[in-house]
Amino acid sequence: MRIVLVSRTLKYLLYKKVLICICPILISSCGGGSGGIDLNESLSLGSVSKSYSPQLPDSDTYPGVSWDVRLPSEVNMTESIINQALDYAFSATRNTQGVLIVRHGVIVGERYGIRKSKESTATSWSTAKSFSSALIGIALDQGFIGSIDESASNYLPSWQGTENEDISIRALLEMRSGLQQSRFSDAGIYASGGYDGDQLAFALDRARSTSPRGRNWAYQNTDSMLLSGIIENATGQYVSNYADINLFSKIGMRADWWVDERGHAMTYCCVDATTRDFARFGLLFVRQGRWRDEQLLSDSWIKESTSVPSDSNKADYALQWWVNETGGYYFSAGLHQNNIYIFPEYDLVVVRNSTYTRQGDARVRTGDNYHLTIPPANWSDSTFLSHITGAILE
C-alpha cells in the first residue's frame, strides 16, 4: 500500500463533492474492492483538469431559480466586444439602470448603474404591450378566445350593437382600429382624470375615424388598453392573476402589473420586474413559446404575433411587437429605451432598462403613484446592438 500526499488533490475532490474514504494516514479505497479510487492513476491535477469539461449551454438550456452566468467564450462570443456594448450603454449620458445579454440560456454580459443591482426593479413602459399580446395568444391557445379575427365586441359588451362591432381583436393588436385618439391625446390615458381612474372606459369611449384594418396604422395606447377588457371578459380573471398563473409563474418571473383605480391592468404599460426577469420573457419567445418541457405559447402564435401584416402601412409593427427585418430581430419597446431585443437566429436575448424610481408605494395608478424613468441621451440601437452581434463568432 502506497502513501500518497494529497493535500491539493483532496481539496479538489472535496470541491467537486467526490466521496472518498480516508484512513488516518493511508488512502486506499471506498468500501474496499475494485470500487476504490486509484489516486496515483487518476487524480493528478493535470489529468483531472484535462478531462473535466462543464456542459456547454445550448438551445435547451433554461434558468432555474437563478441564472447561470458563463464566460462569453463558452457561447462563442468575444468578451472584449461585449464590453464595448456595455461601455456604450453606461456612458455618462445614457442613464442606463441595467443591461443583460443572454445567449443559449445563460448570462454572458451584465452590468448595472450606480446603486443598482440584479435585484433592482425596472419598469416596462410600453414593453407591457408585448406581454398583453402574449396573454391574448395564451387565451387563444386555451380556447377562451375563438379567433383574433372575431369582433372585439364579443368581449367588450359596451360595443355590442354599435358601429364598433366590425373592429376585430386583430385590428386592436395591430393598432389599426380606425378609432380616433382620445380627446385628451393618447398619452392622456395614463392620467385619465375624466373617467374617475377607469382607463378601460377611457379607451372604450372614442369616436370612429376610418374603417378598421385599412391603411390607417396609428400608435395608440388606448387600442392596447382594450386588451385588458378582452382578457378579463374572455377568461373571467383579472389580467394580473391570469398572467401570474399562465405566464409569470411558469417562467420563474416575479412581476407587478400596474392597474388603474378600477383594477384593470394597464395593458399598454407598466409591468415592474428586474432586468433578469424581463430576460426570461425574451427567452420564452426566442425559444418559440417553449419553457423546458412545456409549450406555454404555440409556436404559430409566436410567428404570427412577431410578423408584420402584409397589408399594413406600417412596415415595422406586428401584433404589439416591433420588427427589424434587416437586423434580423424583433423587439418590445418601452419609453426611454426600456427594451427587450430578440434574435432568433442567434438564440440571443438582450435587455436594456432605463434608471427607474417608483413614485408612491402602490401599484395602483393614482396622482401619487406613478413611474419616473430617465431617458438616455443620444442613444442608438444600431450602435449598441452591433457590438453585441459583432461579438458572435459563429
Protein backbone atom coordinates (compact mmCIF):
# COMPACT_ATOMS: atom_id res chain seq x y z
CA MET A 1 0.00 0.00 0.00
CA ARG A 2 1.47 3.34 -1.04
CA ILE A 3 1.32 6.57 0.91
CA VAL A 4 0.27 9.47 -1.21
CA LEU A 5 0.47 13.13 -0.31
CA VAL A 6 -2.90 14.53 -1.32
CA SER A 7 -3.44 17.93 0.24
CA ARG A 8 -4.04 19.77 -3.02
CA THR A 9 -5.81 16.82 -4.60
CA LEU A 10 -8.06 16.35 -1.58
CA LYS A 11 -9.16 19.98 -1.75
CA TYR A 12 -10.08 19.45 -5.38
CA LEU A 13 -12.05 16.32 -4.57
CA LEU A 14 -13.97 17.96 -1.78
CA TYR A 15 -14.74 20.93 -4.02
CA LYS A 16 -16.12 18.59 -6.68
CA LYS A 17 -18.10 16.73 -4.00
CA VAL A 18 -16.44 13.36 -4.72
CA LEU A 19 -16.99 10.96 -1.84
CA ILE A 20 -13.77 9.32 -0.69
CA CYS A 21 -12.85 7.34 2.38
CA ILE A 22 -9.78 8.47 4.24
CA CYS A 23 -7.86 6.40 6.73
CA PRO A 24 -5.77 8.36 9.22
CA ILE A 25 -2.63 8.21 7.11
CA LEU A 26 -3.38 6.00 4.16
CA ILE A 27 -5.84 6.39 1.32
CA SER A 28 -6.81 3.20 -0.35
CA SER A 29 -10.43 2.80 -1.45
CA CYS A 30 -14.05 3.45 -0.50
CA GLY A 31 -15.53 0.31 0.92
CA GLY A 32 -12.69 -1.84 -0.42
CA GLY A 33 -12.60 -3.96 -3.53
CA SER A 34 -12.40 -2.73 -7.10
CA GLY A 35 -14.66 0.28 -6.45
CA GLY A 36 -11.79 2.29 -4.92
CA ILE A 37 -10.12 5.36 -6.36
CA ASP A 38 -6.54 4.93 -7.52
CA LEU A 39 -5.12 8.36 -6.75
CA ASN A 40 -1.82 7.64 -8.49
CA GLU A 41 -3.58 6.92 -11.76
CA SER A 42 -6.49 9.33 -12.00
CA LEU A 43 -6.21 12.21 -9.58
CA SER A 44 -3.17 14.17 -10.55
CA LEU A 45 -4.37 17.74 -11.00
CA GLY A 46 -3.08 17.81 -14.54
CA SER A 47 -5.08 14.82 -15.69
CA VAL A 48 -8.25 15.98 -13.94
CA SER A 49 -8.14 19.45 -15.44
CA LYS A 50 -7.74 17.98 -18.89
CA SER A 51 -10.61 15.54 -18.54
CA TYR A 52 -13.09 17.86 -16.75
CA SER A 53 -15.30 19.91 -19.08
CA PRO A 54 -18.51 21.65 -17.96
CA GLN A 55 -21.52 21.09 -20.16
CA LEU A 56 -21.75 23.92 -22.62
CA PRO A 57 -25.07 25.77 -22.79
CA ASP A 58 -27.25 25.26 -25.83
CA SER A 59 -30.77 25.85 -27.10
CA ASP A 60 -32.16 23.52 -24.41
CA THR A 61 -30.64 25.49 -21.52
CA TYR A 62 -33.00 27.46 -19.28
CA PRO A 63 -32.54 29.32 -16.00
CA GLY A 64 -33.79 27.76 -12.81
CA VAL A 65 -34.48 29.84 -9.73
CA SER A 66 -31.31 31.73 -10.60
CA TRP A 67 -29.45 32.26 -13.85
CA ASP A 68 -26.27 30.51 -14.89
CA VAL A 69 -23.51 33.01 -15.65
CA ARG A 70 -20.86 31.94 -18.16
CA LEU A 71 -17.88 33.38 -19.95
CA PRO A 72 -18.76 34.73 -23.40
CA SER A 73 -16.22 32.33 -24.91
CA GLU A 74 -18.40 29.41 -23.76
CA VAL A 75 -21.11 30.52 -26.18
CA ASN A 76 -18.73 31.59 -28.95
CA MET A 77 -18.74 35.29 -28.19
CA THR A 78 -15.87 37.72 -27.66
CA GLU A 79 -15.80 39.30 -24.21
CA SER A 80 -13.95 42.46 -25.23
CA ILE A 81 -16.60 43.31 -27.83
CA ILE A 82 -19.43 42.65 -25.37
CA ASN A 83 -17.71 45.07 -23.02
CA GLN A 84 -17.82 47.69 -25.77
CA ALA A 85 -21.62 47.36 -25.82
CA LEU A 86 -21.77 47.68 -22.04
CA ASP A 87 -19.43 50.68 -22.07
CA TYR A 88 -21.65 52.33 -24.67
CA ALA A 89 -24.80 51.71 -22.61
CA PHE A 90 -23.26 53.02 -19.41
CA SER A 91 -21.56 56.15 -20.66
CA ALA A 92 -22.38 59.19 -18.55
CA THR A 93 -25.37 60.49 -20.52
CA ARG A 94 -27.12 57.19 -21.22
CA ASN A 95 -28.90 56.84 -17.85
CA THR A 96 -28.91 53.07 -18.04
CA GLN A 97 -30.02 51.11 -15.00
CA GLY A 98 -29.31 47.62 -16.30
CA VAL A 99 -28.21 45.63 -19.34
CA LEU A 100 -28.40 41.86 -19.68
CA ILE A 101 -27.11 39.73 -22.55
CA VAL A 102 -28.30 36.12 -22.72
CA ARG A 103 -27.16 33.54 -25.23
CA HIS A 104 -28.09 29.86 -25.22
CA GLY A 105 -30.00 30.41 -21.98
CA VAL A 106 -27.10 31.75 -19.89
CA ILE A 107 -25.93 35.23 -18.97
CA VAL A 108 -22.78 36.30 -20.79
CA GLY A 109 -22.96 40.05 -20.17
CA GLU A 110 -24.47 42.05 -17.33
CA ARG A 111 -23.97 45.45 -15.77
CA TYR A 112 -25.90 47.84 -13.53
CA GLY A 113 -25.77 51.52 -12.74
CA ILE A 114 -24.77 53.23 -9.52
CA ARG A 115 -26.68 51.89 -6.50
CA LYS A 116 -28.47 49.40 -8.76
CA SER A 117 -28.07 45.63 -8.97
CA LYS A 118 -29.61 42.45 -10.35
CA GLU A 119 -32.24 42.79 -7.59
CA SER A 120 -33.30 46.30 -8.63
CA THR A 121 -36.80 46.78 -10.03
CA ALA A 122 -37.09 48.19 -13.53
CA THR A 123 -40.25 49.09 -15.42
CA SER A 124 -41.52 48.17 -18.84
CA TRP A 125 -43.46 51.18 -20.03
CA SER A 126 -44.81 50.02 -23.41
CA THR A 127 -42.96 46.72 -23.30
CA ALA A 128 -46.10 45.66 -21.44
CA LYS A 129 -47.89 45.65 -24.79
CA SER A 130 -45.93 42.56 -25.82
CA PHE A 131 -46.87 40.84 -22.55
CA SER A 132 -50.51 41.63 -23.31
CA SER A 133 -50.15 40.19 -26.79
CA ALA A 134 -48.70 37.02 -25.27
CA LEU A 135 -51.70 36.70 -22.95
CA ILE A 136 -54.06 37.00 -25.92
CA GLY A 137 -52.11 34.16 -27.51
CA ILE A 138 -52.38 32.03 -24.38
CA ALA A 139 -56.12 32.72 -24.11
CA LEU A 140 -56.44 31.73 -27.77
CA ASP A 141 -54.50 28.50 -27.18
CA GLN A 142 -56.67 27.70 -24.14
CA GLY A 143 -59.91 28.29 -26.03
CA PHE A 144 -61.05 31.37 -24.13
CA ILE A 145 -60.87 33.32 -27.39
CA GLY A 146 -62.08 31.70 -30.59
CA SER A 147 -60.09 33.77 -33.06
CA ILE A 148 -58.41 37.15 -33.13
CA ASP A 149 -60.43 37.83 -36.28
CA GLU A 150 -63.69 37.79 -34.36
CA SER A 151 -65.28 41.02 -33.19
CA ALA A 152 -63.74 42.60 -30.12
CA SER A 153 -67.31 43.44 -29.10
CA ASN A 154 -67.76 39.78 -28.14
CA TYR A 155 -65.63 40.63 -25.11
CA LEU A 156 -66.39 44.35 -24.82
CA PRO A 157 -70.14 44.46 -24.08
CA SER A 158 -70.50 48.24 -24.39
CA TRP A 159 -69.58 47.95 -28.07
CA GLN A 160 -72.31 45.45 -28.87
CA GLY A 161 -74.95 46.91 -31.17
CA THR A 162 -72.70 49.83 -32.14
CA GLU A 163 -70.68 50.69 -35.21
CA ASN A 164 -67.62 49.31 -33.43
CA GLU A 165 -68.82 45.73 -33.87
CA ASP A 166 -66.70 45.48 -37.01
CA ILE A 167 -63.47 46.09 -35.08
CA SER A 168 -61.65 42.78 -34.60
CA ILE A 169 -59.22 41.81 -31.88
CA ARG A 170 -56.58 41.66 -34.62
CA ALA A 171 -57.23 45.29 -35.51
CA LEU A 172 -56.51 46.30 -31.91
CA LEU A 173 -53.35 44.20 -31.77
CA GLU A 174 -52.12 45.79 -35.00
CA MET A 175 -53.15 49.30 -33.86
CA ARG A 176 -55.46 49.65 -36.84
CA SER A 177 -58.76 50.04 -35.03
CA GLY A 178 -59.87 53.07 -37.03
CA LEU A 179 -60.73 54.83 -33.79
CA GLN A 180 -59.63 58.34 -33.05
CA GLN A 181 -57.20 59.07 -30.32
CA SER A 182 -58.78 60.26 -27.12
CA ARG A 183 -59.73 63.91 -26.92
CA PHE A 184 -57.18 64.15 -24.11
CA SER A 185 -54.46 62.87 -26.51
CA ASP A 186 -53.27 59.30 -26.44
CA ALA A 187 -50.75 59.92 -23.68
CA GLY A 188 -53.63 61.22 -21.59
CA ILE A 189 -54.82 57.72 -20.78
CA TYR A 190 -52.01 57.49 -18.26
CA ALA A 191 -53.78 60.24 -16.31
CA SER A 192 -57.39 59.52 -17.36
CA GLY A 193 -58.61 62.09 -14.91
CA GLY A 194 -62.00 62.50 -16.58
CA TYR A 195 -63.03 58.86 -16.01
CA ASP A 196 -62.61 58.51 -12.24
CA GLY A 197 -59.49 56.48 -12.83
CA ASP A 198 -61.19 53.98 -15.16
CA GLN A 199 -58.73 53.69 -18.03
CA LEU A 200 -60.70 50.96 -19.76
CA ALA A 201 -63.73 53.26 -20.02
CA PHE A 202 -61.37 55.94 -21.26
CA ALA A 203 -60.18 53.64 -24.08
CA LEU A 204 -63.69 52.49 -25.00
CA ASP A 205 -65.11 55.98 -25.38
CA ARG A 206 -63.63 57.07 -28.71
CA ALA A 207 -65.18 58.14 -31.99
CA ARG A 208 -64.61 56.41 -35.30
CA SER A 209 -62.12 57.89 -37.71
CA THR A 210 -61.83 55.33 -40.52
CA SER A 211 -62.71 51.72 -41.22
CA PRO A 212 -60.69 49.19 -39.21
CA ARG A 213 -57.65 47.45 -40.67
CA GLY A 214 -57.23 49.86 -43.53
CA ARG A 215 -54.02 51.74 -44.23
CA ASN A 216 -54.60 53.62 -41.04
CA TRP A 217 -51.93 52.46 -38.60
CA ALA A 218 -51.68 54.77 -35.60
CA TYR A 219 -49.78 54.09 -32.40
CA GLN A 220 -52.39 54.28 -29.66
CA ASN A 221 -52.12 53.24 -26.04
CA THR A 222 -55.90 53.20 -26.00
CA ASP A 223 -56.06 50.34 -28.52
CA SER A 224 -53.76 48.31 -26.30
CA MET A 225 -55.73 49.16 -23.15
CA LEU A 226 -58.78 47.49 -24.68
CA LEU A 227 -56.89 44.19 -24.49
CA SER A 228 -57.33 44.42 -20.71
CA GLY A 229 -61.13 44.22 -21.05
CA ILE A 230 -60.88 41.44 -23.64
CA ILE A 231 -58.65 39.26 -21.44
CA GLU A 232 -60.76 39.91 -18.34
CA ASN A 233 -64.07 39.09 -20.02
CA ALA A 234 -62.74 36.14 -22.03
CA THR A 235 -61.05 34.38 -19.09
CA GLY A 236 -63.15 35.62 -16.18
CA GLN A 237 -59.95 36.64 -14.39
CA TYR A 238 -58.10 39.83 -13.69
CA VAL A 239 -55.23 40.23 -16.13
CA SER A 240 -52.60 40.20 -13.40
CA ASN A 241 -53.96 36.92 -11.97
CA TYR A 242 -54.18 35.33 -15.39
CA ALA A 243 -50.62 36.42 -16.16
CA ASP A 244 -49.30 35.12 -12.83
CA ILE A 245 -50.85 31.67 -13.31
CA ASN A 246 -50.24 31.13 -17.01
CA LEU A 247 -47.08 33.11 -17.73
CA PHE A 248 -45.03 34.63 -14.93
CA SER A 249 -45.00 31.64 -12.58
CA LYS A 250 -44.27 29.29 -15.47
CA ILE A 251 -41.04 31.06 -16.41
CA GLY A 252 -39.96 31.96 -12.88
CA MET A 253 -40.69 35.66 -13.31
CA ARG A 254 -41.79 37.90 -10.46
CA ALA A 255 -43.69 40.92 -11.73
CA ASP A 256 -46.06 43.66 -10.62
CA TRP A 257 -48.52 44.75 -13.27
CA TRP A 258 -49.88 48.21 -12.55
CA VAL A 259 -53.63 48.69 -12.56
CA ASP A 260 -55.96 51.65 -12.80
CA GLU A 261 -58.20 52.72 -9.93
CA ARG A 262 -60.87 50.23 -11.04
CA GLY A 263 -58.47 47.30 -11.00
CA HIS A 264 -58.00 47.00 -14.77
CA ALA A 265 -54.44 46.08 -15.72
CA MET A 266 -52.75 48.79 -17.76
CA THR A 267 -52.11 46.51 -20.72
CA TYR A 268 -50.39 49.27 -22.66
CA CYS A 269 -47.91 49.97 -19.91
CA CYS A 270 -46.24 49.35 -16.64
CA VAL A 271 -45.01 45.91 -15.68
CA ASP A 272 -42.37 46.16 -12.96
CA ALA A 273 -39.70 43.44 -12.73
CA THR A 274 -35.94 43.01 -12.58
CA THR A 275 -33.83 43.17 -15.72
CA ARG A 276 -33.12 39.46 -15.27
CA ASP A 277 -36.81 38.64 -15.16
CA PHE A 278 -37.56 40.66 -18.29
CA ALA A 279 -34.96 38.46 -19.98
CA ARG A 280 -36.98 35.37 -19.03
CA PHE A 281 -39.86 36.67 -21.14
CA GLY A 282 -37.50 37.28 -24.03
CA LEU A 283 -36.09 33.77 -23.71
CA LEU A 284 -39.61 32.32 -23.92
CA PHE A 285 -40.02 33.98 -27.30
CA VAL A 286 -36.61 33.13 -28.68
CA ARG A 287 -37.45 29.51 -27.76
CA GLN A 288 -40.69 29.68 -29.75
CA GLY A 289 -43.01 29.68 -26.74
CA ARG A 290 -41.46 26.66 -25.06
CA TRP A 291 -40.16 26.64 -21.48
CA ARG A 292 -38.33 23.45 -20.70
CA ASP A 293 -40.85 20.68 -21.39
CA GLU A 294 -43.96 22.86 -21.59
CA GLN A 295 -45.31 24.74 -24.58
CA LEU A 296 -46.68 27.88 -22.93
CA LEU A 297 -47.41 29.64 -26.22
CA SER A 298 -47.97 27.95 -29.54
CA ASP A 299 -45.11 28.46 -31.97
CA SER A 300 -47.71 29.57 -34.52
CA TRP A 301 -48.67 32.46 -32.24
CA ILE A 302 -45.03 33.42 -31.77
CA LYS A 303 -44.64 33.60 -35.53
CA GLU A 304 -47.90 35.45 -36.17
CA SER A 305 -47.52 37.99 -33.38
CA THR A 306 -43.99 38.94 -34.45
CA SER A 307 -44.68 39.17 -38.20
CA VAL A 308 -45.66 42.42 -39.89
CA PRO A 309 -49.09 42.15 -41.60
CA SER A 310 -48.62 42.19 -45.36
CA ASP A 311 -51.38 44.77 -45.87
CA SER A 312 -50.28 47.22 -43.19
CA ASN A 313 -48.93 50.65 -44.00
CA LYS A 314 -46.55 50.33 -41.04
CA ALA A 315 -43.65 48.21 -42.22
CA ASP A 316 -42.10 47.51 -38.83
CA TYR A 317 -45.03 46.81 -36.47
CA ALA A 318 -46.60 43.42 -35.83
CA LEU A 319 -49.04 42.45 -33.05
CA GLN A 320 -47.73 44.65 -30.23
CA TRP A 321 -44.13 43.92 -31.27
CA TRP A 322 -41.69 45.97 -33.34
CA VAL A 323 -39.79 44.18 -36.12
CA ASN A 324 -36.40 45.00 -37.62
CA GLU A 325 -36.25 42.60 -40.54
CA THR A 326 -32.95 43.99 -41.83
CA GLY A 327 -31.29 43.47 -38.47
CA GLY A 328 -32.77 40.01 -38.03
CA TYR A 329 -34.51 40.75 -34.76
CA TYR A 330 -37.77 41.87 -33.24
CA PHE A 331 -38.22 43.78 -30.04
CA SER A 332 -40.56 45.02 -27.38
CA ALA A 333 -40.09 48.76 -26.97
CA GLY A 334 -40.82 50.88 -23.93
CA LEU A 335 -40.45 54.58 -23.29
CA HIS A 336 -36.85 55.69 -22.63
CA GLN A 337 -35.42 52.53 -24.22
CA ASN A 338 -36.83 50.00 -21.80
CA ASN A 339 -36.49 47.32 -24.45
CA ILE A 340 -36.27 43.56 -24.94
CA TYR A 341 -34.46 42.57 -28.15
CA ILE A 342 -34.82 39.04 -29.55
CA PHE A 343 -32.52 37.48 -32.16
CA PRO A 344 -33.96 34.05 -33.04
CA GLU A 345 -31.10 33.09 -35.37
CA TYR A 346 -28.52 33.55 -32.61
CA ASP A 347 -30.60 32.26 -29.66
CA LEU A 348 -29.87 35.68 -28.20
CA VAL A 349 -31.83 37.99 -25.88
CA VAL A 350 -30.76 41.49 -24.87
CA VAL A 351 -32.50 43.65 -22.26
CA ARG A 352 -31.84 47.32 -21.59
CA ASN A 353 -33.61 49.27 -18.82
CA SER A 354 -33.54 52.96 -18.01
CA THR A 355 -32.96 54.25 -14.49
CA TYR A 356 -36.28 53.87 -12.67
CA THR A 357 -37.83 55.21 -9.50
CA ARG A 358 -41.31 54.15 -8.48
CA GLN A 359 -43.20 57.10 -7.08
CA GLY A 360 -45.53 56.13 -4.27
CA ASP A 361 -45.90 52.80 -2.52
CA ALA A 362 -48.63 51.07 -4.51
CA ARG A 363 -49.04 49.66 -7.99
CA VAL A 364 -52.37 51.42 -8.47
CA ARG A 365 -52.00 54.36 -10.83
CA THR A 366 -53.16 57.48 -8.99
CA GLY A 367 -51.94 61.03 -8.71
CA ASP A 368 -49.40 59.99 -6.05
CA ASN A 369 -48.36 56.67 -7.59
CA TYR A 370 -46.62 56.83 -10.91
CA HIS A 371 -43.50 55.97 -12.88
CA LEU A 372 -40.35 58.03 -13.23
CA THR A 373 -37.58 56.99 -15.62
CA ILE A 374 -34.70 58.97 -17.07
CA PRO A 375 -34.30 58.95 -20.87
CA PRO A 376 -30.94 58.18 -22.44
CA ALA A 377 -29.20 60.91 -24.42
CA ASN A 378 -28.01 60.19 -27.96
CA TRP A 379 -29.00 56.54 -27.83
CA SER A 380 -28.57 54.37 -30.92
CA ASP A 381 -29.99 50.85 -31.05
CA SER A 382 -27.82 50.19 -34.09
CA THR A 383 -24.59 51.08 -32.29
CA PHE A 384 -25.49 49.21 -29.13
CA LEU A 385 -26.69 46.04 -30.82
CA SER A 386 -23.98 45.93 -33.48
CA HIS A 387 -21.39 45.50 -30.73
CA ILE A 388 -23.32 42.55 -29.32
CA THR A 389 -23.97 40.74 -32.59
CA GLY A 390 -20.43 41.59 -33.67
CA ALA A 391 -19.17 39.61 -30.68
CA ILE A 392 -20.67 36.38 -32.06
CA LEU A 393 -18.02 34.12 -33.58
CA GLU A 394 -20.37 31.73 -35.36
